[in-house]
Amino acid sequence: MQYFEDVEIGKPRDTGSYTFTQEAIIRFARQFDPQPFHIDPEAAKSSNFGQLVASGWHTASTVMRLIVDSAVNVEASLGSPGFDDLTWKKPVRPGDTIRARLTCREKTPSKSRPGIGSGRFLIEVFNQDNELIMTMTSIGLMRFRNPPA
């Protein structure tokens, strides 16, 4: 398990990857973001994307899964109070494979709760062509291995 003390500022960590299928894009969008360019390949052709694209929320949810599988499950995670600056820079299309890179930008021990700290993580998401497709800053709460006295 990785604790607050183990997280290094400035050291990037990569997640695994995920490939989007047309079926998965449509299934997610029908339930959560039923806009024509997410659910109808024909209608999507006349959109500004020119073809079916994944909902940004599908991309963000998938990134969260990649983070949990590769980082949160190995950390002494206590959840998150939120994130800042979510931007979708490029659309995700059927067949695209994404991966994320997390870089801790700062760590702060809690002043009111001994044994707990927070970290601010830049999350950068790339497609199979190494193009930056999404960014956000996440705040993670973590336990200390050895709480300060």
Protein backbone atom coordinates (compact mmCIF):
# COMPACT_ATOMS: atom_id res chain seq x y z
CA MET A 1 0.00 0.00 0.00
CA GLN A 2 1.27 3.46 -0.83
CA TYR A 3 0.83 6.11 1.84
CA PHE A 4 1.08 9.91 1.91
CA GLU A 5 4.82 9.71 2.61
CA ASP A 6 5.38 7.52 -0.45
CA VAL A 7 3.88 9.89 -3.02
CA GLU A 8 6.64 11.87 -4.70
CA ILE A 9 5.99 15.38 -5.94
CA GLY A 10 6.76 15.68 -9.64
CA LYS A 11 7.11 11.95 -10.30
CA PRO A 12 4.61 10.86 -12.99
CA ARG A 13 2.75 7.55 -12.74
CA ASP A 14 1.03 5.94 -15.72
CA THR A 15 -2.19 3.98 -15.66
CA GLY A 16 -3.20 1.07 -17.80
CA SER A 17 -5.19 1.67 -20.96
CA TYR A 18 -8.72 1.25 -22.27
CA THR A 19 -10.02 0.96 -25.84
CA PHE A 20 -13.43 2.48 -26.62
CA THR A 21 -15.81 0.52 -28.82
CA GLN A 22 -18.76 1.96 -30.69
CA GLU A 23 -21.07 -0.27 -28.65
CA ALA A 24 -19.67 0.96 -25.32
CA ILE A 25 -19.87 4.60 -26.43
CA ILE A 26 -23.52 4.25 -27.43
CA ARG A 27 -24.45 2.23 -24.33
CA PHE A 28 -22.94 4.83 -21.95
CA ALA A 29 -24.43 7.76 -23.85
CA ARG A 30 -27.93 6.28 -24.02
CA GLN A 31 -27.94 6.09 -20.26
CA PHE A 32 -26.08 9.26 -19.27
CA ASP A 33 -25.55 11.69 -22.20
CA PRO A 34 -28.01 10.95 -25.04
CA GLN A 35 -26.89 13.57 -27.52
CA PRO A 36 -27.10 12.53 -31.20
CA PHE A 37 -23.33 12.58 -31.80
CA HIS A 38 -22.92 10.08 -28.92
CA ILE A 39 -25.76 7.67 -29.72
CA ASP A 40 -26.41 7.75 -33.48
CA PRO A 41 -23.56 7.14 -35.96
CA GLU A 42 -25.62 8.55 -38.85
CA ALA A 43 -26.65 11.73 -37.02
CA ALA A 44 -23.07 12.15 -35.79
CA LYS A 45 -21.86 12.48 -39.40
CA SER A 46 -23.54 15.90 -39.64
CA SER A 47 -22.22 17.09 -36.26
CA ASN A 48 -19.12 19.20 -35.81
CA PHE A 49 -17.27 15.93 -34.96
CA GLY A 50 -18.14 14.26 -38.27
CA GLN A 51 -18.61 10.88 -36.63
CA LEU A 52 -19.68 9.20 -33.41
CA VAL A 53 -17.66 10.31 -30.37
CA ALA A 54 -17.64 9.30 -26.73
CA SER A 55 -19.27 11.52 -24.16
CA GLY A 56 -16.68 13.49 -22.23
CA TRP A 57 -18.28 12.03 -19.11
CA HIS A 58 -17.63 8.54 -20.48
CA THR A 59 -14.00 9.49 -20.96
CA ALA A 60 -13.77 10.96 -17.45
CA SER A 61 -15.45 7.91 -15.90
CA THR A 62 -13.10 5.59 -17.75
CA VAL A 63 -10.10 7.60 -16.56
CA MET A 64 -11.38 7.28 -12.99
CA ARG A 65 -11.49 3.50 -13.42
CA LEU A 66 -7.94 3.49 -14.80
CA ILE A 67 -6.78 5.56 -11.82
CA VAL A 68 -8.51 3.32 -9.29
CA ASP A 69 -7.05 0.20 -10.89
CA SER A 70 -3.51 1.54 -11.05
CA ALA A 71 -3.15 4.02 -8.20
CA VAL A 72 -5.99 4.34 -5.73
CA ASN A 73 -6.13 0.61 -5.01
CA VAL A 74 -2.47 0.71 -4.01
CA GLU A 75 -2.69 3.87 -1.92
CA ALA A 76 -4.09 4.52 1.50
CA SER A 77 -6.83 6.50 -0.23
CA LEU A 78 -9.57 8.27 1.69
CA GLY A 79 -11.43 9.61 -1.34
CA SER A 80 -11.47 13.06 -2.84
CA PRO A 81 -13.23 16.35 -2.15
CA GLY A 82 -13.22 17.12 -5.87
CA PHE A 83 -11.26 18.23 -8.89
CA ASP A 84 -10.50 21.41 -10.80
CA ASP A 85 -9.99 22.45 -14.40
CA LEU A 86 -11.51 19.52 -16.27
CA THR A 87 -10.94 20.08 -19.99
CA TRP A 88 -11.68 17.87 -22.96
CA LYS A 89 -9.12 18.77 -25.59
CA LYS A 90 -9.89 16.18 -28.29
CA PRO A 91 -12.80 13.82 -28.84
CA VAL A 92 -12.54 10.09 -28.23
CA ARG A 93 -13.72 8.01 -31.18
CA PRO A 94 -14.54 4.32 -31.52
CA GLY A 95 -11.28 2.36 -31.58
CA ASP A 96 -9.32 4.98 -29.62
CA THR A 97 -7.20 3.70 -26.74
CA ILE A 98 -6.59 6.04 -23.82
CA ARG A 99 -4.21 6.06 -20.86
CA ALA A 100 -3.63 8.55 -18.09
CA ARG A 101 -0.59 10.00 -16.34
CA LEU A 102 -0.85 11.29 -12.77
CA THR A 103 1.70 13.73 -11.39
CA CYS A 104 1.54 14.98 -7.81
CA ARG A 105 2.01 18.75 -7.83
CA GLU A 106 1.81 19.35 -4.08
CA LYS A 107 1.17 17.55 -0.80
CA THR A 108 -0.20 19.04 2.40
CA PRO A 109 -0.63 17.40 5.80
CA SER A 110 -4.00 18.17 7.38
CA LYS A 111 -3.85 20.76 10.16
CA SER A 112 -7.06 19.54 11.78
CA ARG A 113 -6.86 15.77 11.24
CA PRO A 114 -3.53 14.20 12.23
CA GLY A 115 -2.55 11.24 10.10
CA ILE A 116 -4.25 12.51 6.96
CA GLY A 117 -2.88 14.55 4.10
CA SER A 118 -4.00 15.74 0.70
CA GLY A 119 -2.31 15.82 -2.65
CA ARG A 120 -3.10 17.74 -5.80
CA PHE A 121 -2.55 15.63 -8.89
CA LEU A 122 -2.36 16.75 -12.49
CA ILE A 123 -4.10 14.10 -14.59
CA GLU A 124 -3.24 14.07 -18.27
CA VAL A 125 -5.02 11.69 -20.63
CA PHE A 126 -3.54 10.62 -23.96
CA ASN A 127 -4.83 8.63 -26.92
CA GLN A 128 -2.97 5.95 -28.87
CA ASP A 129 -1.22 8.65 -30.92
CA ASN A 130 0.08 10.26 -27.70
CA GLU A 131 -2.21 13.26 -28.27
CA LEU A 132 -3.39 15.01 -25.11
CA ILE A 133 -7.16 14.55 -25.00
CA MET A 134 -8.18 15.51 -21.45
CA THR A 135 -6.71 17.15 -18.36
CA MET A 136 -7.86 17.82 -14.83
CA THR A 137 -6.47 18.44 -11.39
CA SER A 138 -7.64 16.02 -8.72
CA ILE A 139 -7.40 16.36 -4.97
CA GLY A 140 -6.73 13.09 -3.17
CA LEU A 141 -6.93 12.43 0.55
CA MET A 142 -4.52 9.84 1.94
CA ARG A 143 -3.49 8.26 5.22
CA PHE A 144 -0.01 8.57 6.62
CA ARG A 145 1.89 5.38 7.35
CA ASN A 146 3.48 7.09 10.35
CA PRO A 147 1.32 10.04 11.42
CA PRO A 148 3.29 13.07 12.61
CA ALA A 149 3.27 13.66 16.33
